[in-house]
Each structure stands twice: as structure tokens, then as C-alpha cells.
């Protein structure tokens, strides 16, 4: 029998849309150029040793492309770190003429028991 997911944060949505921040640092902007609407991405919780842990968005191959906004990370990170699972799918990929923090729009679905 698979383990059940941890209790989901009360009052938070199990399905939501989010932009991706930090896509222009460390050469990640070149990875963003390879993305298309419909692509599946992975959400990864930072190790708990970080002062302000974030939820990172990774390509299926493992490369990080950015992170969710801090206001989402504050409640989603603890749930993911305790074993919660969320799927992310790209809804929109905009060009370089759009501010970096608005180039990617995700739909996030959290698997809750």
C-alpha cells in the first residue's frame, strides 16, 4: 500500500496557477527558451538547511529553471518536504519581450489523499 500524503495546508488551493521566478540567473534563461506550453515540470523542495527554503521548478531531466514565488513557497515547501507530491504543467511560455518573472505560467496540481 503506498504511503498517504501528509495533511494538506488548511485554506490553500490544491490546484493553482503560478509564475516562475529566477529564470534569468545562472544561464537558466537558455533553458527557458527550450520550453513549450504543455511541458511537464517537476517541483522540488529546497533542503531544510536553507534560511528561507524555496520550491524549485526543474525540467524533467533535472535542471532547475527557477522557483515559485515566496508567498507560495512558504506554505507549499513544508508540505512537499514532508512527502507531499505536486505536478506542474506549463500553460504559457512568453518571449524575452516579457519581464522574466512573467515569462512562464504553470498550473500546479497537488496530490492529496
PDB file of N, CA and C in Angstrom:
ATOM      1  N   UNK A   1       0.849  -1.182   0.000  1.00  0.00           N
ATOM      2  CA  UNK A   1       0.000   0.000   0.000  1.00  0.00           C
ATOM      3  C   UNK A   1       0.894   1.244   0.000  1.00  0.00           C
ATOM      4  N   UNK A   2       0.696   2.193  -0.945  1.00  0.00           N
ATOM      5  CA  UNK A   2       1.535   3.391  -0.989  1.00  0.00           C
ATOM      6  C   UNK A   2       1.286   4.267   0.226  1.00  0.00           C
ATOM      7  N   UNK A   3       2.329   4.981   0.667  1.00  0.00           N
ATOM      8  CA  UNK A   3       2.141   5.862   1.821  1.00  0.00           C
ATOM      9  C   UNK A   3       1.167   6.982   1.480  1.00  0.00           C
ATOM     10  N   UNK A   4       0.399   7.415   2.464  1.00  0.00           N
ATOM     11  CA  UNK A   4      -0.540   8.511   2.226  1.00  0.00           C
ATOM     12  C   UNK A   4       0.219   9.832   2.285  1.00  0.00           C
ATOM     13  N   UNK A   5      -0.323  10.834   1.631  1.00  0.00           N
ATOM     14  CA  UNK A   5       0.333  12.132   1.647  1.00  0.00           C
ATOM     15  C   UNK A   5       0.080  12.805   2.995  1.00  0.00           C
ATOM     16  N   UNK A   6       0.981  13.709   3.379  1.00  0.00           N
ATOM     17  CA  UNK A   6       0.797  14.427   4.640  1.00  0.00           C
ATOM     18  C   UNK A   6      -0.431  15.331   4.554  1.00  0.00           C
ATOM     19  N   UNK A   7      -0.950  15.759   5.701  1.00  0.00           N
ATOM     20  CA  UNK A   7      -2.100  16.673   5.680  1.00  0.00           C
ATOM     21  C   UNK A   7      -1.776  17.927   4.864  1.00  0.00           C
ATOM     22  N   UNK A   8      -2.708  18.298   4.007  1.00  0.00           N
ATOM     23  CA  UNK A   8      -2.501  19.458   3.149  1.00  0.00           C
ATOM     24  C   UNK A   8      -2.753  20.735   3.956  1.00  0.00           C
ATOM     25  N   UNK A   9      -1.980  21.809   3.682  1.00  0.00           N
ATOM     26  CA  UNK A   9      -2.168  23.069   4.414  1.00  0.00           C
ATOM     27  C   UNK A   9      -3.593  23.598   4.311  1.00  0.00           C
ATOM     28  N   UNK A  10      -4.200  23.799   5.451  1.00  0.00           N
ATOM     29  CA  UNK A  10      -5.581  24.268   5.509  1.00  0.00           C
ATOM     30  C   UNK A  10      -5.723  25.633   4.848  1.00  0.00           C
ATOM     31  N   UNK A  11      -6.770  25.762   4.036  1.00  0.00           N
ATOM     32  CA  UNK A  11      -7.076  27.041   3.395  1.00  0.00           C
ATOM     33  C   UNK A  11      -6.296  27.314   2.121  1.00  0.00           C
ATOM     34  N   UNK A  12      -5.440  26.384   1.703  1.00  0.00           N
ATOM     35  CA  UNK A  12      -4.661  26.587   0.488  1.00  0.00           C
ATOM     36  C   UNK A  12      -5.260  25.772  -0.660  1.00  0.00           C
ATOM     37  N   UNK A  13      -5.107  26.245  -1.892  1.00  0.00           N
ATOM     38  CA  UNK A  13      -5.694  25.537  -3.033  1.00  0.00           C
ATOM     39  C   UNK A  13      -4.864  24.308  -3.419  1.00  0.00           C
ATOM     40  N   UNK A  14      -5.536  23.240  -3.799  1.00  0.00           N
ATOM     41  CA  UNK A  14      -4.816  22.048  -4.252  1.00  0.00           C
ATOM     42  C   UNK A  14      -4.457  22.137  -5.734  1.00  0.00           C
ATOM     43  N   UNK A  15      -5.070  23.067  -6.431  1.00  0.00           N
ATOM     44  CA  UNK A  15      -4.742  23.320  -7.834  1.00  0.00           C
ATOM     45  C   UNK A  15      -4.696  24.841  -8.022  1.00  0.00           C
ATOM     46  N   UNK A  16      -3.602  25.335  -8.603  1.00  0.00           N
ATOM     47  CA  UNK A  16      -3.453  26.783  -8.757  1.00  0.00           C
ATOM     48  C   UNK A  16      -2.482  27.080  -9.895  1.00  0.00           C
ATOM     49  N   UNK A  17      -2.449  28.327 -10.292  1.00  0.00           N
ATOM     50  CA  UNK A  17      -1.519  28.809 -11.311  1.00  0.00           C
ATOM     51  C   UNK A  17      -0.470  29.679 -10.643  1.00  0.00           C
ATOM     52  N   UNK A  18       0.730  29.625 -11.215  1.00  0.00           N
ATOM     53  CA  UNK A  18       1.830  30.408 -10.653  1.00  0.00           C
ATOM     54  C   UNK A  18       2.828  30.771 -11.738  1.00  0.00           C
ATOM     55  N   UNK A  19       3.460  31.911 -11.577  1.00  0.00           N
ATOM     56  CA  UNK A  19       4.594  32.269 -12.411  1.00  0.00           C
ATOM     57  C   UNK A  19       5.838  31.589 -11.830  1.00  0.00           C
ATOM     58  N   UNK A  20       6.931  31.669 -12.568  1.00  0.00           N
ATOM     59  CA  UNK A  20       8.208  31.100 -12.133  1.00  0.00           C
ATOM     60  C   UNK A  20       9.213  32.235 -12.059  1.00  0.00           C
ATOM     61  N   UNK A  21       9.864  32.380 -10.911  1.00  0.00           N
ATOM     62  CA  UNK A  21      10.828  33.464 -10.695  1.00  0.00           C
ATOM     63  C   UNK A  21      12.255  32.932 -10.820  1.00  0.00           C
ATOM     64  N   UNK A  22      13.201  33.839 -11.040  1.00  0.00           N
ATOM     65  CA  UNK A  22      14.619  33.469 -11.063  1.00  0.00           C
ATOM     66  C   UNK A  22      15.081  32.793 -12.338  1.00  0.00           C
ATOM     67  N   UNK A  23      14.338  32.973 -13.429  1.00  0.00           N
ATOM     68  CA  UNK A  23      14.670  32.260 -14.661  1.00  0.00           C
ATOM     69  C   UNK A  23      15.846  32.869 -15.429  1.00  0.00           C
ATOM     70  N   UNK A  24      16.307  34.049 -15.050  1.00  0.00           N
ATOM     71  CA  UNK A  24      17.369  34.714 -15.812  1.00  0.00           C
ATOM     72  C   UNK A  24      18.751  34.544 -15.186  1.00  0.00           C
ATOM     73  N   UNK A  25      18.857  33.828 -14.078  1.00  0.00           N
ATOM     74  CA  UNK A  25      20.136  33.679 -13.404  1.00  0.00           C
ATOM     75  C   UNK A  25      20.810  32.356 -13.771  1.00  0.00           C
ATOM     76  N   UNK A  26      22.137  32.336 -13.694  1.00  0.00           N
ATOM     77  CA  UNK A  26      22.944  31.122 -13.865  1.00  0.00           C
ATOM     78  C   UNK A  26      22.683  30.417 -15.195  1.00  0.00           C
ATOM     79  N   UNK A  27      22.393  31.175 -16.244  1.00  0.00           N
ATOM     80  CA  UNK A  27      22.187  30.584 -17.561  1.00  0.00           C
ATOM     81  C   UNK A  27      20.859  29.876 -17.742  1.00  0.00           C
ATOM     82  N   UNK A  28      19.961  30.009 -16.762  1.00  0.00           N
ATOM     83  CA  UNK A  28      18.663  29.327 -16.880  1.00  0.00           C
ATOM     84  C   UNK A  28      17.807  29.890 -18.004  1.00  0.00           C
ATOM     85  N   UNK A  29      18.064  31.129 -18.415  1.00  0.00           N
ATOM     86  CA  UNK A  29      17.270  31.721 -19.490  1.00  0.00           C
ATOM     87  C   UNK A  29      17.406  30.921 -20.788  1.00  0.00           C
ATOM     88  N   UNK A  30      18.542  30.267 -21.002  1.00  0.00           N
ATOM     89  CA  UNK A  30      18.714  29.437 -22.205  1.00  0.00           C
ATOM     90  C   UNK A  30      17.846  28.183 -22.122  1.00  0.00           C
ATOM     91  N   UNK A  31      17.654  27.663 -20.911  1.00  0.00           N
ATOM     92  CA  UNK A  31      16.767  26.504 -20.737  1.00  0.00           C
ATOM     93  C   UNK A  31      15.318  26.899 -20.981  1.00  0.00           C
ATOM     94  N   UNK A  32      14.946  28.097 -20.529  1.00  0.00           N
ATOM     95  CA  UNK A  32      13.571  28.581 -20.706  1.00  0.00           C
ATOM     96  C   UNK A  32      13.216  28.645 -22.187  1.00  0.00           C
ATOM     97  N   UNK A  33      14.186  29.000 -23.016  1.00  0.00           N
ATOM     98  CA  UNK A  33      13.940  29.110 -24.455  1.00  0.00           C
ATOM     99  C   UNK A  33      13.585  27.771 -25.093  1.00  0.00           C
ATOM    100  N   UNK A  34      13.856  26.661 -24.424  1.00  0.00           N
ATOM    101  CA  UNK A  34      13.564  25.328 -24.977  1.00  0.00           C
ATOM    102  C   UNK A  34      12.179  24.819 -24.567  1.00  0.00           C
ATOM    103  N   UNK A  35      11.476  25.575 -23.730  1.00  0.00           N
ATOM    104  CA  UNK A  35      10.195  25.115 -23.184  1.00  0.00           C
ATOM    105  C   UNK A  35       9.014  25.466 -24.072  1.00  0.00           C
ATOM    106  N   UNK A  36       7.957  24.667 -23.929  1.00  0.00           N
ATOM    107  CA  UNK A  36       6.713  24.889 -24.673  1.00  0.00           C
ATOM    108  C   UNK A  36       5.520  24.687 -23.754  1.00  0.00           C
ATOM    109  N   UNK A  37       4.430  25.357 -24.061  1.00  0.00           N
ATOM    110  CA  UNK A  37       3.186  25.133 -23.320  1.00  0.00           C
ATOM    111  C   UNK A  37       2.856  23.651 -23.387  1.00  0.00           C
ATOM    112  N   UNK A  38       2.429  23.105 -22.261  1.00  0.00           N
ATOM    113  CA  UNK A  38       2.105  21.686 -22.172  1.00  0.00           C
ATOM    114  C   UNK A  38       3.210  20.845 -21.571  1.00  0.00           C
ATOM    115  N   UNK A  39       4.438  21.374 -21.519  1.00  0.00           N
ATOM    116  CA  UNK A  39       5.550  20.621 -20.932  1.00  0.00           C
ATOM    117  C   UNK A  39       5.273  20.336 -19.458  1.00  0.00           C
ATOM    118  N   UNK A  40       5.617  19.138 -19.029  1.00  0.00           N
ATOM    119  CA  UNK A  40       5.522  18.760 -17.623  1.00  0.00           C
ATOM    120  C   UNK A  40       6.837  19.107 -16.937  1.00  0.00           C
ATOM    121  N   UNK A  41       6.758  19.698 -15.761  1.00  0.00           N
ATOM    122  CA  UNK A  41       7.933  20.077 -14.985  1.00  0.00           C
ATOM    123  C   UNK A  41       7.835  19.463 -13.597  1.00  0.00           C
ATOM    124  N   UNK A  42       8.958  19.415 -12.890  1.00  0.00           N
ATOM    125  CA  UNK A  42       8.999  18.849 -11.537  1.00  0.00           C
ATOM    126  C   UNK A  42       9.126  19.971 -10.514  1.00  0.00           C
ATOM    127  N   UNK A  43       8.485  19.799  -9.368  1.00  0.00           N
ATOM    128  CA  UNK A  43       8.637  20.732  -8.255  1.00  0.00           C
ATOM    129  C   UNK A  43       9.469  20.047  -7.187  1.00  0.00           C
ATOM    130  N   UNK A  44      10.499  20.754  -6.709  1.00  0.00           N
ATOM    131  CA  UNK A  44      11.444  20.189  -5.752  1.00  0.00           C
ATOM    132  C   UNK A  44      11.595  21.151  -4.576  1.00  0.00           C
ATOM    133  N   UNK A  45      11.421  20.632  -3.368  1.00  0.00           N
ATOM    134  CA  UNK A  45      11.602  21.447  -2.161  1.00  0.00           C
ATOM    135  C   UNK A  45      13.092  21.564  -1.855  1.00  0.00           C
ATOM    136  N   UNK A  46      13.562  22.800  -1.602  1.00  0.00           N
ATOM    137  CA  UNK A  46      14.941  23.026  -1.145  1.00  0.00           C
ATOM    138  C   UNK A  46      15.235  22.175   0.075  1.00  0.00           C
ATOM    139  N   UNK A  47      16.505  21.833   0.299  1.00  0.00           N
ATOM    140  CA  UNK A  47      16.846  21.173   1.570  1.00  0.00           C
ATOM    141  C   UNK A  47      16.474  22.089   2.740  1.00  0.00           C
ATOM    142  N   UNK A  48      16.090  21.518   3.878  1.00  0.00           N
ATOM    143  CA  UNK A  48      15.634  22.339   5.008  1.00  0.00           C
ATOM    144  C   UNK A  48      16.716  23.189   5.662  1.00  0.00           C
ATOM    145  N   UNK A  49      17.972  23.080   5.252  1.00  0.00           N
ATOM    146  CA  UNK A  49      19.032  23.881   5.863  1.00  0.00           C
ATOM    147  C   UNK A  49      19.041  25.318   5.368  1.00  0.00           C
ATOM    148  N   UNK A  50      18.255  25.626   4.353  1.00  0.00           N
ATOM    149  CA  UNK A  50      18.188  26.987   3.815  1.00  0.00           C
ATOM    150  C   UNK A  50      17.480  27.906   4.811  1.00  0.00           C
ATOM    151  N   UNK A  51      17.893  29.172   4.868  1.00  0.00           N
ATOM    152  CA  UNK A  51      17.217  30.139   5.746  1.00  0.00           C
ATOM    153  C   UNK A  51      15.752  30.293   5.354  1.00  0.00           C
ATOM    154  N   UNK A  52      15.498  30.476   4.075  1.00  0.00           N
ATOM    155  CA  UNK A  52      14.144  30.596   3.537  1.00  0.00           C
ATOM    156  C   UNK A  52      14.007  29.598   2.401  1.00  0.00           C
ATOM    157  N   UNK A  53      13.701  28.333   2.723  1.00  0.00           N
ATOM    158  CA  UNK A  53      13.628  27.323   1.667  1.00  0.00           C
ATOM    159  C   UNK A  53      12.592  27.684   0.609  1.00  0.00           C
ATOM    160  N   UNK A  54      12.899  27.314  -0.622  1.00  0.00           N
ATOM    161  CA  UNK A  54      12.019  27.616  -1.744  1.00  0.00           C
ATOM    162  C   UNK A  54      11.592  26.323  -2.433  1.00  0.00           C
ATOM    163  N   UNK A  55      10.583  26.450  -3.264  1.00  0.00           N
ATOM    164  CA  UNK A  55      10.146  25.341  -4.109  1.00  0.00           C
ATOM    165  C   UNK A  55      10.668  25.640  -5.506  1.00  0.00           C
ATOM    166  N   UNK A  56      11.570  24.782  -5.989  1.00  0.00           N
ATOM    167  CA  UNK A  56      12.211  24.971  -7.277  1.00  0.00           C
ATOM    168  C   UNK A  56      11.476  24.224  -8.370  1.00  0.00           C
ATOM    169  N   UNK A  57      11.518  24.794  -9.560  1.00  0.00           N
ATOM    170  CA  UNK A  57      10.916  24.196 -10.744  1.00  0.00           C
ATOM    171  C   UNK A  57      12.066  23.634 -11.583  1.00  0.00           C
ATOM    172  N   UNK A  58      11.967  22.326 -11.901  1.00  0.00           N
ATOM    173  CA  UNK A  58      13.016  21.641 -12.650  1.00  0.00           C
ATOM    174  C   UNK A  58      12.460  21.057 -13.936  1.00  0.00           C
ATOM    175  N   UNK A  59      13.321  20.977 -14.929  1.00  0.00           N
ATOM    176  CA  UNK A  59      12.993  20.223 -16.137  1.00  0.00           C
ATOM    177  C   UNK A  59      12.903  18.745 -15.765  1.00  0.00           C
ATOM    178  N   UNK A  60      12.268  17.947 -16.591  1.00  0.00           N
ATOM    179  CA  UNK A  60      12.186  16.512 -16.348  1.00  0.00           C
ATOM    180  C   UNK A  60      13.581  15.895 -16.258  1.00  0.00           C
ATOM    181  N   UNK A  61      14.558  16.486 -16.945  1.00  0.00           N
ATOM    182  CA  UNK A  61      15.929  15.986 -16.934  1.00  0.00           C
ATOM    183  C   UNK A  61      16.691  16.375 -15.670  1.00  0.00           C
ATOM    184  N   UNK A  62      16.102  17.252 -14.848  1.00  0.00           N
ATOM    185  CA  UNK A  62      16.707  17.605 -13.569  1.00  0.00           C
ATOM    186  C   UNK A  62      17.237  19.020 -13.436  1.00  0.00           C
ATOM    187  N   UNK A  63      17.446  19.739 -14.529  1.00  0.00           N
ATOM    188  CA  UNK A  63      17.992  21.086 -14.446  1.00  0.00           C
ATOM    189  C   UNK A  63      16.965  22.053 -13.853  1.00  0.00           C
ATOM    190  N   UNK A  64      17.382  22.896 -12.889  1.00  0.00           N
ATOM    191  CA  UNK A  64      16.466  23.894 -12.344  1.00  0.00           C
ATOM    192  C   UNK A  64      16.297  25.060 -13.321  1.00  0.00           C
ATOM    193  N   UNK A  65      15.066  25.558 -13.418  1.00  0.00           N
ATOM    194  CA  UNK A  65      14.818  26.707 -14.294  1.00  0.00           C
ATOM    195  C   UNK A  65      14.334  27.928 -13.519  1.00  0.00           C
ATOM    196  N   UNK A  66      14.013  27.763 -12.248  1.00  0.00           N
ATOM    197  CA  UNK A  66      13.552  28.871 -11.429  1.00  0.00           C
ATOM    198  C   UNK A  66      12.817  28.340 -10.220  1.00  0.00           C
ATOM    199  N   UNK A  67      12.128  29.226  -9.523  1.00  0.00           N
ATOM    200  CA  UNK A  67      11.410  28.836  -8.307  1.00  0.00           C
ATOM    201  C   UNK A  67      10.043  29.497  -8.257  1.00  0.00           C
ATOM    202  N   UNK A  68       9.164  28.916  -7.450  1.00  0.00           N
ATOM    203  CA  UNK A  68       7.845  29.508  -7.252  1.00  0.00           C
ATOM    204  C   UNK A  68       7.994  30.768  -6.411  1.00  0.00           C
ATOM    205  N   UNK A  69       7.044  31.690  -6.511  1.00  0.00           N
ATOM    206  CA  UNK A  69       7.103  32.908  -5.697  1.00  0.00           C
ATOM    207  C   UNK A  69       7.143  32.573  -4.205  1.00  0.00           C
ATOM    208  N   UNK A  70       7.821  33.398  -3.406  1.00  0.00           N
ATOM    209  CA  UNK A  70       7.956  33.122  -1.975  1.00  0.00           C
ATOM    210  C   UNK A  70       6.633  32.948  -1.234  1.00  0.00           C
ATOM    211  N   UNK A  71       5.587  33.701  -1.618  1.00  0.00           N
ATOM    212  CA  UNK A  71       4.314  33.569  -0.901  1.00  0.00           C
ATOM    213  C   UNK A  71       3.696  32.188  -1.094  1.00  0.00           C
ATOM    214  N   UNK A  72       3.977  31.524  -2.193  1.00  0.00           N
ATOM    215  CA  UNK A  72       3.523  30.148  -2.394  1.00  0.00           C
ATOM    216  C   UNK A  72       4.478  29.187  -1.696  1.00  0.00           C
ATOM    217  N   UNK A  73       5.766  29.420  -1.856  1.00  0.00           N
ATOM    218  CA  UNK A  73       6.767  28.548  -1.240  1.00  0.00           C
ATOM    219  C   UNK A  73       6.625  28.424   0.268  1.00  0.00           C
ATOM    220  N   UNK A  74       6.193  29.499   0.924  1.00  0.00           N
ATOM    221  CA  UNK A  74       6.063  29.467   2.391  1.00  0.00           C
ATOM    222  C   UNK A  74       5.101  28.390   2.881  1.00  0.00           C
ATOM    223  N   UNK A  75       4.030  28.134   2.135  1.00  0.00           N
ATOM    224  CA  UNK A  75       3.084  27.107   2.579  1.00  0.00           C
ATOM    225  C   UNK A  75       3.260  25.790   1.833  1.00  0.00           C
ATOM    226  N   UNK A  76       3.743  25.841   0.577  1.00  0.00           N
ATOM    227  CA  UNK A  76       3.900  24.602  -0.185  1.00  0.00           C
ATOM    228  C   UNK A  76       5.165  23.841   0.205  1.00  0.00           C
ATOM    229  N   UNK A  77       6.245  24.555   0.515  1.00  0.00           N
ATOM    230  CA  UNK A  77       7.510  23.893   0.850  1.00  0.00           C
ATOM    231  C   UNK A  77       7.359  22.905   2.008  1.00  0.00           C
ATOM    232  N   UNK A  78       6.765  23.288   3.150  1.00  0.00           N
ATOM    233  CA  UNK A  78       6.675  22.315   4.248  1.00  0.00           C
ATOM    234  C   UNK A  78       5.902  21.054   3.862  1.00  0.00           C
ATOM    235  N   UNK A  79       4.870  21.214   3.057  1.00  0.00           N
ATOM    236  CA  UNK A  79       4.068  20.057   2.642  1.00  0.00           C
ATOM    237  C   UNK A  79       4.892  19.145   1.738  1.00  0.00           C
ATOM    238  N   UNK A  80       5.594  19.723   0.773  1.00  0.00           N
ATOM    239  CA  UNK A  80       6.448  18.921  -0.099  1.00  0.00           C
ATOM    240  C   UNK A  80       7.570  18.253   0.688  1.00  0.00           C
ATOM    241  N   UNK A  81       8.161  18.991   1.623  1.00  0.00           N
ATOM    242  CA  UNK A  81       9.273  18.449   2.413  1.00  0.00           C
ATOM    243  C   UNK A  81       8.828  17.269   3.281  1.00  0.00           C
ATOM    244  N   UNK A  82       7.547  17.217   3.631  1.00  0.00           N
ATOM    245  CA  UNK A  82       7.024  16.101   4.438  1.00  0.00           C
ATOM    246  C   UNK A  82       6.535  14.949   3.569  1.00  0.00           C
ATOM    247  N   UNK A  83       6.733  15.045   2.267  1.00  0.00           N
ATOM    248  CA  UNK A  83       6.369  13.948   1.385  1.00  0.00           C
ATOM    249  C   UNK A  83       5.217  14.221   0.450  1.00  0.00           C
ATOM    250  N   UNK A  84       4.683  15.434   0.450  1.00  0.00           N
ATOM    251  CA  UNK A  84       3.621  15.776  -0.490  1.00  0.00           C
ATOM    252  C   UNK A  84       4.136  15.754  -1.922  1.00  0.00           C
ATOM    253  N   UNK A  85       3.248  15.526  -2.860  1.00  0.00           N
ATOM    254  CA  UNK A  85       3.620  15.452  -4.277  1.00  0.00           C
ATOM    255  C   UNK A  85       2.750  16.424  -5.077  1.00  0.00           C
ATOM    256  N   UNK A  86       3.402  17.189  -5.923  1.00  0.00           N
ATOM    257  CA  UNK A  86       2.690  18.135  -6.790  1.00  0.00           C
ATOM    258  C   UNK A  86       3.216  17.987  -8.211  1.00  0.00           C
ATOM    259  N   UNK A  87       2.325  18.117  -9.165  1.00  0.00           N
ATOM    260  CA  UNK A  87       2.685  18.099 -10.585  1.00  0.00           C
ATOM    261  C   UNK A  87       2.575  19.516 -11.126  1.00  0.00           C
ATOM    262  N   UNK A  88       3.440  19.837 -12.087  1.00  0.00           N
ATOM    263  CA  UNK A  88       3.413  21.161 -12.704  1.00  0.00           C
ATOM    264  C   UNK A  88       3.417  21.006 -14.223  1.00  0.00           C
ATOM    265  N   UNK A  89       2.555  21.780 -14.878  1.00  0.00           N
ATOM    266  CA  UNK A  89       2.464  21.775 -16.339  1.00  0.00           C
ATOM    267  C   UNK A  89       2.489  23.221 -16.817  1.00  0.00           C
ATOM    268  N   UNK A  90       3.301  23.482 -17.828  1.00  0.00           N
ATOM    269  CA  UNK A  90       3.387  24.829 -18.383  1.00  0.00           C
ATOM    270  C   UNK A  90       2.125  25.178 -19.152  1.00  0.00           C
ATOM    271  N   UNK A  91       1.555  26.312 -18.826  1.00  0.00           N
ATOM    272  CA  UNK A  91       0.396  26.816 -19.559  1.00  0.00           C
ATOM    273  C   UNK A  91       0.806  27.830 -20.610  1.00  0.00           C
ATOM    274  N   UNK A  92       1.839  28.623 -20.281  1.00  0.00           N
ATOM    275  CA  UNK A  92       2.260  29.690 -21.191  1.00  0.00           C
ATOM    276  C   UNK A  92       3.760  29.898 -21.086  1.00  0.00           C
ATOM    277  N   UNK A  93       4.386  30.089 -22.249  1.00  0.00           N
ATOM    278  CA  UNK A  93       5.801  30.463 -22.326  1.00  0.00           C
ATOM    279  C   UNK A  93       5.855  31.718 -23.184  1.00  0.00           C
ATOM    280  N   UNK A  94       6.220  32.832 -22.573  1.00  0.00           N
ATOM    281  CA  UNK A  94       6.298  34.101 -23.301  1.00  0.00           C
ATOM    282  C   UNK A  94       7.742  34.363 -23.726  1.00  0.00           C
ATOM    283  N   UNK A  95       7.919  35.298 -24.634  1.00  0.00           N
ATOM    284  CA  UNK A  95       9.235  35.623 -25.165  1.00  0.00           C
ATOM    285  C   UNK A  95      10.013  36.592 -24.286  1.00  0.00           C
ATOM    286  N   UNK A  96      11.203  36.898 -24.729  1.00  0.00           N
ATOM    287  CA  UNK A  96      12.110  37.770 -23.980  1.00  0.00           C
ATOM    288  C   UNK A  96      11.592  39.197 -23.861  1.00  0.00           C
ATOM    289  N   UNK A  97      10.552  39.544 -24.615  1.00  0.00           N
ATOM    290  CA  UNK A  97       9.967  40.879 -24.519  1.00  0.00           C
ATOM    291  C   UNK A  97       9.080  41.040 -23.287  1.00  0.00           C
ATOM    292  N   UNK A  98       8.853  39.944 -22.558  1.00  0.00           N
ATOM    293  CA  UNK A  98       8.026  39.935 -21.346  1.00  0.00           C
ATOM    294  C   UNK A  98       8.960  39.895 -20.135  1.00  0.00           C
ATOM    295  N   UNK A  99       8.643  40.620 -19.055  1.00  0.00           N
ATOM    296  CA  UNK A  99       9.501  40.548 -17.857  1.00  0.00           C
ATOM    297  C   UNK A  99       9.734  39.091 -17.442  1.00  0.00           C
ATOM    298  N   UNK A 100      10.956  38.793 -17.003  1.00  0.00           N
ATOM    299  CA  UNK A 100      11.356  37.415 -16.721  1.00  0.00           C
ATOM    300  C   UNK A 100      10.409  36.708 -15.761  1.00  0.00           C
ATOM    301  N   UNK A 101       9.929  37.409 -14.747  1.00  0.00           N
ATOM    302  CA  UNK A 101       9.073  36.773 -13.744  1.00  0.00           C
ATOM    303  C   UNK A 101       7.663  36.491 -14.259  1.00  0.00           C
ATOM    304  N   UNK A 102       7.371  36.916 -15.508  1.00  0.00           N
ATOM    305  CA  UNK A 102       6.059  36.644 -16.097  1.00  0.00           C
ATOM    306  C   UNK A 102       6.150  35.747 -17.335  1.00  0.00           C
ATOM    307  N   UNK A 103       7.373  35.290 -17.663  1.00  0.00           N
ATOM    308  CA  UNK A 103       7.541  34.507 -18.900  1.00  0.00           C
ATOM    309  C   UNK A 103       6.901  33.134 -18.824  1.00  0.00           C
ATOM    310  N   UNK A 104       6.942  32.501 -17.670  1.00  0.00           N
ATOM    311  CA  UNK A 104       6.409  31.145 -17.526  1.00  0.00           C
ATOM    312  C   UNK A 104       5.199  31.160 -16.604  1.00  0.00           C
ATOM    313  N   UNK A 105       4.136  30.508 -17.038  1.00  0.00           N
ATOM    314  CA  UNK A 105       2.943  30.333 -16.202  1.00  0.00           C
ATOM    315  C   UNK A 105       2.678  28.850 -16.078  1.00  0.00           C
ATOM    316  N   UNK A 106       2.630  28.374 -14.848  1.00  0.00           N
ATOM    317  CA  UNK A 106       2.403  26.957 -14.538  1.00  0.00           C
ATOM    318  C   UNK A 106       1.018  26.726 -13.998  1.00  0.00           C
ATOM    319  N   UNK A 107       0.543  25.513 -14.184  1.00  0.00           N
ATOM    320  CA  UNK A 107      -0.610  25.015 -13.419  1.00  0.00           C
ATOM    321  C   UNK A 107      -0.049  23.939 -12.501  1.00  0.00           C
ATOM    322  N   UNK A 108      -0.262  24.097 -11.216  1.00  0.00           N
ATOM    323  CA  UNK A 108       0.248  23.160 -10.215  1.00  0.00           C
ATOM    324  C   UNK A 108      -0.949  22.393  -9.644  1.00  0.00           C
ATOM    325  N   UNK A 109      -0.809  21.067  -9.601  1.00  0.00           N
ATOM    326  CA  UNK A 109      -1.831  20.193  -9.017  1.00  0.00           C
ATOM    327  C   UNK A 109      -1.180  19.387  -7.905  1.00  0.00           C
ATOM    328  N   UNK A 110      -1.709  19.540  -6.704  1.00  0.00           N
ATOM    329  CA  UNK A 110      -1.185  18.808  -5.548  1.00  0.00           C
ATOM    330  C   UNK A 110      -1.993  17.536  -5.332  1.00  0.00           C
ATOM    331  N   UNK A 111      -1.286  16.436  -5.171  1.00  0.00           N
ATOM    332  CA  UNK A 111      -1.959  15.150  -4.944  1.00  0.00           C
ATOM    333  C   UNK A 111      -2.243  15.002  -3.460  1.00  0.00           C
ATOM    334  N   UNK A 112      -3.506  15.029  -3.122  1.00  0.00           N
ATOM    335  CA  UNK A 112      -3.897  14.869  -1.723  1.00  0.00           C
ATOM    336  C   UNK A 112      -4.785  13.640  -1.585  1.00  0.00           C
ATOM    337  N   UNK A 113      -4.659  12.984  -0.439  1.00  0.00           N
ATOM    338  CA  UNK A 113      -5.442  11.763  -0.201  1.00  0.00           C
ATOM    339  C   UNK A 113      -6.849  12.097   0.228  1.00  0.00           C
TER     340      UNK A 113
END
